[in-house]
Amino acid sequence: MLKFKLGIFLLFVVGFVIYALSYNNSSEIVTITVKDKQSISRGESGHKYLIYCEGEVFECTDSWIFGKWNSADVYNQIDTGKTYGARVAGWRWHMWTSYRNIISVVEKNAELEKFIKKARE
């Protein structure tokens, strides 16, 4: 019985590690143009922040894998009609109404483009 419990525990730990590594490796930098955004109350468990962009919907939630605990602040930085460079992670799963998560955003403008170009030289 002890071996069975140990086996289940190890299976859980391995699955957890594989998920965390996969989630971390799924991150990428994308350019998004925000069409709309919405804050959905989840009662006592907080809010779910949705960001509607051209071609995709994202969520902005906390992520312990990335050490992101400021989803409300990131959501507040995002304005409708503006274009951003965003680091996103995760997967869009239609069956579970799951969206890729916005980890961080930087507004795209001429100053940012000059900075990036200079940094690459």
Protein backbone atom coordinates (compact mmCIF):
# COMPACT_ATOMS: atom_id res chain seq x y z
CA MET A 1 0.00 0.00 0.00
CA LEU A 2 2.90 2.34 0.78
CA LYS A 3 4.44 1.70 -2.66
CA PHE A 4 1.10 2.52 -4.29
CA LYS A 5 0.81 5.86 -2.42
CA LEU A 6 4.43 6.69 -3.23
CA GLY A 7 3.82 5.86 -6.88
CA ILE A 8 0.75 8.12 -7.03
CA PHE A 9 2.68 10.93 -5.33
CA LEU A 10 5.61 10.60 -7.76
CA LEU A 11 3.23 10.52 -10.73
CA PHE A 12 1.64 13.74 -9.46
CA VAL A 13 5.04 15.42 -8.98
CA VAL A 14 6.29 14.39 -12.43
CA GLY A 15 3.05 15.59 -14.06
CA PHE A 16 3.31 18.89 -12.22
CA VAL A 17 6.94 19.42 -13.32
CA ILE A 18 6.10 18.57 -16.95
CA TYR A 19 3.18 21.03 -16.92
CA ALA A 20 5.30 23.83 -15.37
CA LEU A 21 8.12 23.33 -17.88
CA SER A 22 5.69 23.17 -20.82
CA TYR A 23 3.87 26.30 -19.66
CA ASN A 24 7.15 28.16 -19.25
CA ASN A 25 8.37 27.04 -22.69
CA SER A 26 5.10 28.13 -24.31
CA SER A 27 5.87 31.81 -23.71
CA GLU A 28 6.45 34.11 -26.65
CA ILE A 29 6.46 37.80 -27.51
CA VAL A 30 3.52 38.87 -29.69
CA THR A 31 2.20 42.16 -31.00
CA ILE A 32 -1.40 42.83 -30.00
CA THR A 33 -3.84 45.60 -30.84
CA VAL A 34 -6.52 45.86 -28.15
CA LYS A 35 -10.11 46.09 -29.37
CA ASP A 36 -11.81 45.81 -25.96
CA LYS A 37 -11.24 44.56 -22.44
CA GLN A 38 -13.46 43.22 -19.69
CA SER A 39 -13.20 42.51 -15.99
CA ILE A 40 -15.33 39.56 -14.88
CA SER A 41 -16.02 39.18 -11.17
CA ARG A 42 -15.48 35.70 -9.71
CA GLY A 43 -17.02 36.57 -6.37
CA GLU A 44 -14.67 36.15 -3.44
CA SER A 45 -11.92 34.62 -5.60
CA GLY A 46 -11.23 37.90 -7.43
CA HIS A 47 -11.53 38.84 -11.08
CA LYS A 48 -10.78 37.37 -14.46
CA TYR A 49 -9.45 39.98 -16.88
CA LEU A 50 -10.11 39.39 -20.58
CA ILE A 51 -8.40 41.36 -23.35
CA TYR A 52 -10.01 41.20 -26.79
CA CYS A 53 -7.48 41.68 -29.59
CA GLU A 54 -7.50 41.30 -33.32
CA GLY A 55 -7.49 37.57 -33.97
CA GLU A 56 -7.34 36.33 -30.36
CA VAL A 57 -8.66 36.81 -26.85
CA PHE A 58 -6.20 36.77 -23.95
CA GLU A 59 -6.60 36.67 -20.20
CA CYS A 60 -4.55 38.52 -17.64
CA THR A 61 -4.24 36.41 -14.50
CA ASP A 62 -1.61 35.81 -11.86
CA SER A 63 0.97 33.14 -12.70
CA TRP A 64 3.12 31.53 -10.00
CA ILE A 65 5.28 29.93 -12.72
CA PHE A 66 6.36 33.41 -13.90
CA GLY A 67 6.20 35.02 -10.46
CA LYS A 68 3.45 37.36 -11.68
CA TRP A 69 1.22 38.55 -8.85
CA ASN A 70 0.17 41.91 -10.35
CA SER A 71 -2.47 40.96 -12.92
CA ALA A 72 -4.70 43.90 -11.93
CA ASP A 73 -1.81 46.33 -12.50
CA VAL A 74 -0.95 44.78 -15.89
CA TYR A 75 -4.64 44.89 -16.88
CA ASN A 76 -4.78 48.56 -15.88
CA GLN A 77 -1.79 49.37 -18.15
CA ILE A 78 -3.70 48.12 -21.20
CA ASP A 79 -5.82 50.66 -23.10
CA THR A 80 -8.33 50.00 -25.84
CA GLY A 81 -7.15 50.98 -29.31
CA LYS A 82 -3.43 50.81 -28.51
CA THR A 83 -0.81 48.36 -29.75
CA TYR A 84 1.51 46.52 -27.39
CA GLY A 85 4.36 44.10 -27.37
CA ALA A 86 3.18 41.39 -24.98
CA ARG A 87 4.79 38.37 -23.41
CA VAL A 88 2.14 35.65 -23.37
CA ALA A 89 2.16 32.06 -22.13
CA GLY A 90 -0.12 29.09 -22.14
CA TRP A 91 -2.55 27.69 -24.64
CA ARG A 92 -6.00 28.47 -25.98
CA TRP A 93 -8.24 25.52 -25.08
CA HIS A 94 -11.74 26.07 -26.40
CA MET A 95 -13.20 23.12 -24.50
CA TRP A 96 -12.24 24.63 -21.13
CA THR A 97 -12.63 28.30 -22.13
CA SER A 98 -8.95 28.80 -21.39
CA TYR A 99 -6.95 31.63 -22.95
CA ARG A 100 -3.27 32.44 -23.29
CA ASN A 101 -2.15 34.59 -20.36
CA ILE A 102 -0.59 38.03 -20.77
CA ILE A 103 2.48 38.07 -18.52
CA SER A 104 3.67 41.62 -19.31
CA VAL A 105 3.06 44.39 -21.84
CA VAL A 106 4.97 47.33 -23.28
CA GLU A 107 3.20 49.92 -25.40
CA LYS A 108 4.56 49.99 -28.93
CA ASN A 109 5.60 53.45 -30.03
CA ALA A 110 8.43 55.15 -31.88
CA GLU A 111 10.59 55.46 -28.73
CA LEU A 112 10.33 51.75 -28.02
CA GLU A 113 11.16 50.88 -31.62
CA LYS A 114 14.26 53.13 -31.50
CA PHE A 115 15.36 51.56 -28.22
CA ILE A 116 14.99 48.03 -29.60
CA LYS A 117 16.82 48.92 -32.81
CA LYS A 118 19.68 50.52 -30.88
CA ALA A 119 19.89 47.56 -28.48
CA ARG A 120 20.27 45.16 -31.41
CA GLU A 121 23.13 47.14 -33.02
